[in-house]
Amino acid sequence: MMISDLRLSVFPITILYMPTESVEWEVSASF
């Protein structure tokens, strides 16, 4: 649960700086 909350908090911040990399990171984290 902690990891999920952390990812949800970091994802919006990351996508503001690097949309493409954040998407790749999100996909990697999901799989």
PDB file of N, CA and C in Angstrom:
ATOM      1  N   MET A   1       0.836  -1.200   0.000  1.00  0.00           N
ATOM      2  CA  MET A   1       0.000   0.000   0.000  1.00  0.00           C
ATOM      3  C   MET A   1       0.875   1.257   0.000  1.00  0.00           C
ATOM      4  N   MET A   2       1.958   1.213   0.767  1.00  0.00           N
ATOM      5  CA  MET A   2       2.851   2.370   0.832  1.00  0.00           C
ATOM      6  C   MET A   2       3.437   2.679  -0.537  1.00  0.00           C
ATOM      7  N   ILE A   3       3.826   1.627  -1.263  1.00  0.00           N
ATOM      8  CA  ILE A   3       4.412   1.825  -2.595  1.00  0.00           C
ATOM      9  C   ILE A   3       3.376   2.430  -3.537  1.00  0.00           C
ATOM     10  N   SER A   4       2.140   1.980  -3.431  1.00  0.00           N
ATOM     11  CA  SER A   4       1.082   2.496  -4.315  1.00  0.00           C
ATOM     12  C   SER A   4       0.864   3.984  -4.053  1.00  0.00           C
ATOM     13  N   ASP A   5       0.798   4.354  -2.779  1.00  0.00           N
ATOM     14  CA  ASP A   5       0.595   5.765  -2.440  1.00  0.00           C
ATOM     15  C   ASP A   5       1.768   6.602  -2.931  1.00  0.00           C
ATOM     16  N   LEU A   6       2.972   6.068  -2.746  1.00  0.00           N
ATOM     17  CA  LEU A   6       4.165   6.798  -3.166  1.00  0.00           C
ATOM     18  C   LEU A   6       4.167   6.980  -4.674  1.00  0.00           C
ATOM     19  N   ARG A   7       3.808   5.927  -5.404  1.00  0.00           N
ATOM     20  CA  ARG A   7       3.799   6.018  -6.869  1.00  0.00           C
ATOM     21  C   ARG A   7       2.759   7.034  -7.321  1.00  0.00           C
ATOM     22  N   LEU A   8       1.596   7.034  -6.689  1.00  0.00           N
ATOM     23  CA  LEU A   8       0.550   7.979  -7.060  1.00  0.00           C
ATOM     24  C   LEU A   8       0.982   9.415  -6.780  1.00  0.00           C
ATOM     25  N   SER A   9       1.817   9.598  -5.759  1.00  0.00           N
ATOM     26  CA  SER A   9       2.277  10.938  -5.417  1.00  0.00           C
ATOM     27  C   SER A   9       3.396  11.392  -6.351  1.00  0.00           C
ATOM     28  N   VAL A  10       4.269  10.450  -6.731  1.00  0.00           N
ATOM     29  CA  VAL A  10       5.415  10.792  -7.574  1.00  0.00           C
ATOM     30  C   VAL A  10       5.025  10.918  -9.043  1.00  0.00           C
ATOM     31  N   PHE A  11       4.088  10.093  -9.501  1.00  0.00           N
ATOM     32  CA  PHE A  11       3.718  10.080 -10.917  1.00  0.00           C
ATOM     33  C   PHE A  11       3.321  11.462 -11.457  1.00  0.00           C
ATOM     34  N   PRO A  12       2.410  12.188 -10.787  1.00  0.00           N
ATOM     35  CA  PRO A  12       2.016  13.518 -11.294  1.00  0.00           C
ATOM     36  C   PRO A  12       3.196  14.482 -11.359  1.00  0.00           C
ATOM     37  N   ILE A  13       4.089  14.403 -10.383  1.00  0.00           N
ATOM     38  CA  ILE A  13       5.257  15.300 -10.355  1.00  0.00           C
ATOM     39  C   ILE A  13       6.213  14.951 -11.487  1.00  0.00           C
ATOM     40  N   THR A  14       6.424  13.653 -11.681  1.00  0.00           N
ATOM     41  CA  THR A  14       7.352  13.195 -12.710  1.00  0.00           C
ATOM     42  C   THR A  14       6.827  13.538 -14.104  1.00  0.00           C
ATOM     43  N   ILE A  15       5.525  13.366 -14.307  1.00  0.00           N
ATOM     44  CA  ILE A  15       4.951  13.601 -15.641  1.00  0.00           C
ATOM     45  C   ILE A  15       5.033  15.080 -16.010  1.00  0.00           C
ATOM     46  N   LEU A  16       5.132  15.942 -15.018  1.00  0.00           N
ATOM     47  CA  LEU A  16       5.261  17.377 -15.307  1.00  0.00           C
ATOM     48  C   LEU A  16       6.636  17.684 -15.890  1.00  0.00           C
ATOM     49  N   TYR A  17       7.648  16.950 -15.413  1.00  0.00           N
ATOM     50  CA  TYR A  17       9.021  17.204 -15.880  1.00  0.00           C
ATOM     51  C   TYR A  17       9.337  16.397 -17.134  1.00  0.00           C
ATOM     52  N   MET A  18       9.052  15.089 -17.092  1.00  0.00           N
ATOM     53  CA  MET A  18       9.382  14.213 -18.218  1.00  0.00           C
ATOM     54  C   MET A  18       8.190  13.309 -18.554  1.00  0.00           C
ATOM     55  N   PRO A  19       7.247  13.798 -19.362  1.00  0.00           N
ATOM     56  CA  PRO A  19       6.055  13.021 -19.710  1.00  0.00           C
ATOM     57  C   PRO A  19       6.412  11.666 -20.309  1.00  0.00           C
ATOM     58  N   THR A  20       7.349  11.637 -21.251  1.00  0.00           N
ATOM     59  CA  THR A  20       7.686  10.378 -21.932  1.00  0.00           C
ATOM     60  C   THR A  20       8.340   9.402 -20.971  1.00  0.00           C
ATOM     61  N   GLU A  21       9.311   9.872 -20.205  1.00  0.00           N
ATOM     62  CA  GLU A  21      10.022   8.992 -19.289  1.00  0.00           C
ATOM     63  C   GLU A  21       9.115   8.503 -18.178  1.00  0.00           C
ATOM     64  N   SER A  22       8.216   9.366 -17.703  1.00  0.00           N
ATOM     65  CA  SER A  22       7.306   8.978 -16.631  1.00  0.00           C
ATOM     66  C   SER A  22       6.382   7.856 -17.101  1.00  0.00           C
ATOM     67  N   VAL A  23       5.961   7.927 -18.360  1.00  0.00           N
ATOM     68  CA  VAL A  23       5.096   6.885 -18.913  1.00  0.00           C
ATOM     69  C   VAL A  23       5.858   5.560 -18.977  1.00  0.00           C
ATOM     70  N   GLU A  24       7.097   5.626 -19.452  1.00  0.00           N
ATOM     71  CA  GLU A  24       7.911   4.409 -19.537  1.00  0.00           C
ATOM     72  C   GLU A  24       8.157   3.840 -18.142  1.00  0.00           C
ATOM     73  N   TRP A  25       8.404   4.721 -17.188  1.00  0.00           N
ATOM     74  CA  TRP A  25       8.646   4.289 -15.811  1.00  0.00           C
ATOM     75  C   TRP A  25       7.387   3.652 -15.219  1.00  0.00           C
ATOM     76  N   GLU A  26       6.257   4.244 -15.518  1.00  0.00           N
ATOM     77  CA  GLU A  26       4.979   3.730 -15.024  1.00  0.00           C
ATOM     78  C   GLU A  26       4.725   2.340 -15.592  1.00  0.00           C
ATOM     79  N   VAL A  27       4.992   2.167 -16.886  1.00  0.00           N
ATOM     80  CA  VAL A  27       4.804   0.865 -17.527  1.00  0.00           C
ATOM     81  C   VAL A  27       5.756  -0.158 -16.915  1.00  0.00           C
ATOM     82  N   SER A  28       6.988   0.253 -16.682  1.00  0.00           N
ATOM     83  CA  SER A  28       7.978  -0.657 -16.090  1.00  0.00           C
ATOM     84  C   SER A  28       7.567  -1.035 -14.670  1.00  0.00           C
ATOM     85  N   ALA A  29       7.043  -0.078 -13.928  1.00  0.00           N
ATOM     86  CA  ALA A  29       6.623  -0.338 -12.556  1.00  0.00           C
ATOM     87  C   ALA A  29       5.407  -1.272 -12.535  1.00  0.00           C
ATOM     88  N   SER A  30       4.535  -1.123 -13.536  1.00  0.00           N
ATOM     89  CA  SER A  30       3.343  -1.971 -13.597  1.00  0.00           C
ATOM     90  C   SER A  30       3.723  -3.411 -13.919  1.00  0.00           C
ATOM     91  N   PHE A  31       4.696  -3.584 -14.811  1.00  0.00           N
ATOM     92  CA  PHE A  31       5.143  -4.919 -15.205  1.00  0.00           C
ATOM     93  C   PHE A  31       6.503  -5.231 -14.584  1.00  0.00           C
TER      94      PHE A  31
END
